[in-house]
Protein backbone atom coordinates (compact mmCIF):
# COMPACT_ATOMS: atom_id res chain seq x y z
CA MET A 1 8.90 36.89 19.31
CA THR A 2 10.21 33.70 20.64
CA ARG A 3 11.05 33.00 24.59
CA ASP A 4 13.77 31.60 25.45
CA ILE A 5 14.22 28.32 24.27
CA ASN A 6 16.36 25.38 25.36
CA PHE A 7 17.03 21.81 24.42
CA ARG A 8 18.08 18.86 26.75
CA GLU A 9 19.13 15.55 25.84
CA VAL A 10 16.08 13.18 26.28
CA THR A 11 16.83 10.64 28.75
CA GLU A 12 14.77 7.46 30.09
CA ASP A 13 13.51 9.75 32.66
CA ASP A 14 11.66 11.96 29.96
CA LEU A 15 10.17 9.04 28.17
CA GLU A 16 6.45 9.42 29.46
CA VAL A 17 6.54 13.12 28.46
CA MET A 18 7.98 12.11 24.84
CA ASN A 19 5.07 9.34 24.94
CA SER A 20 2.44 11.88 25.54
CA LEU A 21 3.81 14.24 22.85
CA VAL A 22 3.51 11.38 20.23
CA ASN A 23 -0.01 10.57 21.33
CA ASP A 24 -0.98 14.53 21.09
CA GLU A 25 -3.82 14.52 18.58
CA ASP A 26 -2.42 17.42 16.30
CA ILE A 27 1.11 15.80 16.50
CA ALA A 28 0.06 12.24 15.65
CA ARG A 29 -1.68 13.60 12.67
CA PHE A 30 1.24 13.78 10.67
CA LEU A 31 3.52 11.28 12.28
CA ASP A 32 3.68 7.23 11.26
CA LEU A 33 2.89 6.25 14.11
CA ILE A 34 -1.26 5.07 14.80
CA PRO A 35 -2.12 6.32 18.21
CA PRO A 36 -2.55 5.33 20.78
CA VAL A 37 1.05 4.76 21.15
CA PRO A 38 1.76 2.00 23.64
CA MET A 39 4.75 3.02 25.91
CA SER A 40 6.56 0.29 25.10
CA LYS A 41 6.85 1.85 21.21
CA THR A 42 8.51 4.98 23.14
CA ILE A 43 10.76 2.51 24.98
CA ASP A 44 11.70 0.41 21.77
CA PHE A 45 12.42 3.80 19.97
CA TRP A 46 14.37 5.57 22.59
CA GLU A 47 16.57 2.13 22.96
CA PHE A 48 17.30 1.93 19.36
CA ALA A 49 18.21 5.44 19.14
CA VAL A 50 20.43 4.94 22.00
CA SER A 51 21.80 2.18 20.13
CA ARG A 52 22.36 4.24 16.99
CA GLY A 53 24.20 6.85 18.59
CA ALA A 54 21.15 9.16 17.68
CA MET A 55 20.71 12.75 19.33
CA TRP A 56 17.08 13.40 20.55
CA TRP A 57 16.56 16.70 22.62
CA ALA A 58 13.37 17.73 24.64
CA ILE A 59 12.74 21.43 23.43
CA LEU A 60 12.13 23.64 26.70
CA ILE A 61 10.48 27.03 27.35
CA GLY A 62 11.25 27.17 30.84
CA ASN A 63 10.77 23.83 32.67
CA ASP A 64 7.97 23.22 30.08
CA VAL A 65 8.62 20.39 27.09
CA ILE A 66 6.66 21.97 23.93
CA GLY A 67 8.20 19.55 21.79
CA SER A 68 11.07 16.90 20.31
CA VAL A 69 14.10 17.26 17.85
CA GLY A 70 16.27 14.74 16.78
CA VAL A 71 18.65 13.12 14.35
CA VAL A 72 18.87 9.36 13.96
CA PRO A 73 22.31 8.33 12.29
CA GLU A 74 22.35 5.37 9.88
CA ASP A 75 24.07 2.12 10.65
CA PRO A 76 27.51 3.38 11.99
CA ASP A 77 29.41 0.19 10.18
CA GLY A 78 27.25 0.99 6.74
CA LYS A 79 28.29 2.99 3.74
CA MET A 80 25.48 5.62 4.69
CA SER A 81 27.19 6.32 7.99
CA HIS A 82 27.83 9.77 7.21
CA VAL A 83 23.57 10.11 6.93
CA GLY A 84 21.06 10.96 9.55
CA VAL A 85 17.27 11.03 9.53
CA MET A 86 15.80 14.25 11.05
CA PHE A 87 12.57 14.46 13.28
CA VAL A 88 10.82 17.55 15.13
CA TYR A 89 7.61 18.06 16.41
CA LEU A 90 6.09 20.97 18.46
CA LEU A 91 2.79 21.37 20.39
CA LYS A 92 0.33 23.09 18.41
CA ASP A 93 0.23 26.32 20.58
CA HIS A 94 4.10 26.80 20.32
CA ARG A 95 4.15 26.41 16.47
CA GLY A 96 4.31 29.63 13.87
CA LEU A 97 6.63 31.42 16.75
CA GLY A 98 10.20 30.27 15.15
CA TYR A 99 10.70 27.32 17.69
CA GLY A 100 10.69 24.90 14.63
CA GLY A 101 13.32 26.69 13.07
CA ILE A 102 15.57 27.26 16.16
CA ALA A 103 15.32 23.32 16.81
CA ILE A 104 16.20 22.22 13.27
CA ASP A 105 19.17 24.95 13.49
CA HIS A 106 20.02 23.49 16.92
CA ALA A 107 19.78 19.81 15.48
CA LEU A 108 21.96 20.40 12.16
CA PHE A 109 24.51 22.22 13.97
CA MET A 110 25.09 19.34 16.33
CA ALA A 111 24.70 16.92 13.81
CA ASP A 112 27.52 18.72 11.50
CA VAL A 113 29.66 18.77 15.00
CA SER A 114 29.14 15.03 15.20
CA GLY A 115 30.67 14.50 11.92
CA LEU A 116 27.34 13.75 9.51
CA LYS A 117 27.49 15.08 6.34
CA ARG A 118 23.75 14.45 5.22
CA ILE A 119 20.32 15.04 6.76
CA GLU A 120 17.18 13.52 5.38
CA CYS A 121 13.60 14.26 6.36
CA LEU A 122 10.18 12.79 5.60
CA ALA A 123 6.93 14.88 5.57
CA ALA A 124 3.31 13.73 4.84
CA GLU A 125 2.14 16.24 1.70
CA GLY A 126 -0.50 17.52 3.89
CA ASN A 127 2.30 18.90 6.51
CA SER A 128 2.88 22.19 4.46
CA ARG A 129 4.03 24.11 7.25
CA ALA A 130 6.78 21.16 7.97
CA ILE A 131 7.69 21.40 4.24
CA ALA A 132 7.97 24.96 4.23
CA LEU A 133 10.20 25.29 6.95
CA TYR A 134 12.37 22.50 6.17
CA LEU A 135 12.78 24.31 2.61
CA GLU A 136 13.38 27.69 3.90
CA LYS A 137 16.53 25.93 6.25
CA GLY A 138 17.75 24.75 3.07
CA PHE A 139 16.43 21.15 2.54
CA LEU A 140 15.90 20.20 -1.07
CA ILE A 141 13.20 17.85 -1.88
CA GLU A 142 14.40 14.77 -3.79
CA GLY A 143 11.65 12.73 -4.32
CA VAL A 144 7.73 11.57 -3.69
CA LYS A 145 6.65 8.55 -2.34
CA LYS A 146 3.31 8.24 -3.84
CA GLY A 147 0.56 7.02 -1.47
CA ALA A 148 3.19 6.13 1.13
CA PHE A 149 0.99 7.79 3.95
CA TYR A 150 -2.35 6.35 5.41
CA ASP A 151 -4.24 8.24 7.86
CA GLY A 152 -7.10 5.82 8.48
CA GLU A 153 -9.25 7.47 5.47
CA LYS A 154 -6.83 8.37 2.75
CA TYR A 155 -3.67 8.09 1.35
CA SER A 156 -1.24 10.83 0.34
CA ASP A 157 1.91 11.14 -0.33
CA VAL A 158 5.42 11.65 1.45
CA ILE A 159 7.70 14.05 0.23
CA MET A 160 11.27 13.02 0.89
CA MET A 161 14.28 15.79 1.86
CA ALA A 162 17.70 16.11 2.31
CA LYS A 163 20.38 18.71 3.07
CA ILE A 164 24.30 18.26 2.69
CA LEU A 165 26.00 20.17 5.54
């Protein structure tokens, strides 16, 4: 059973916590960033996200940040401005409790309200829990990027998924 989960927009004041999340060993295992991720990279991503009008939330249980979820729209001046790219990550102790699904539902709802029509996401093939969750939430597998993910030891595929809102 899930405890009360809340979402708060990520602000500049949250960037240290966001940086610690992407440097968490278990989260970093499936991110495209190579740890240690310097704070400057987190700041760069936040500035990019703000410039794109991204929606980025801290996932909270009480006052504790347990993860992050967001949708970054494509170039607002381009022909794919109706498309957003989703990401979600949770600390290991909070997985399998329904929080990831609630976070995805929140992000999909907010993306729809904002006018986005299509949400895309990527997951390394070894991240079977994430792939299963996205499929459960109505995402469809649209393709495979063969050998696109390198974890420092081996290459693996990246699964491309999308959902029409």
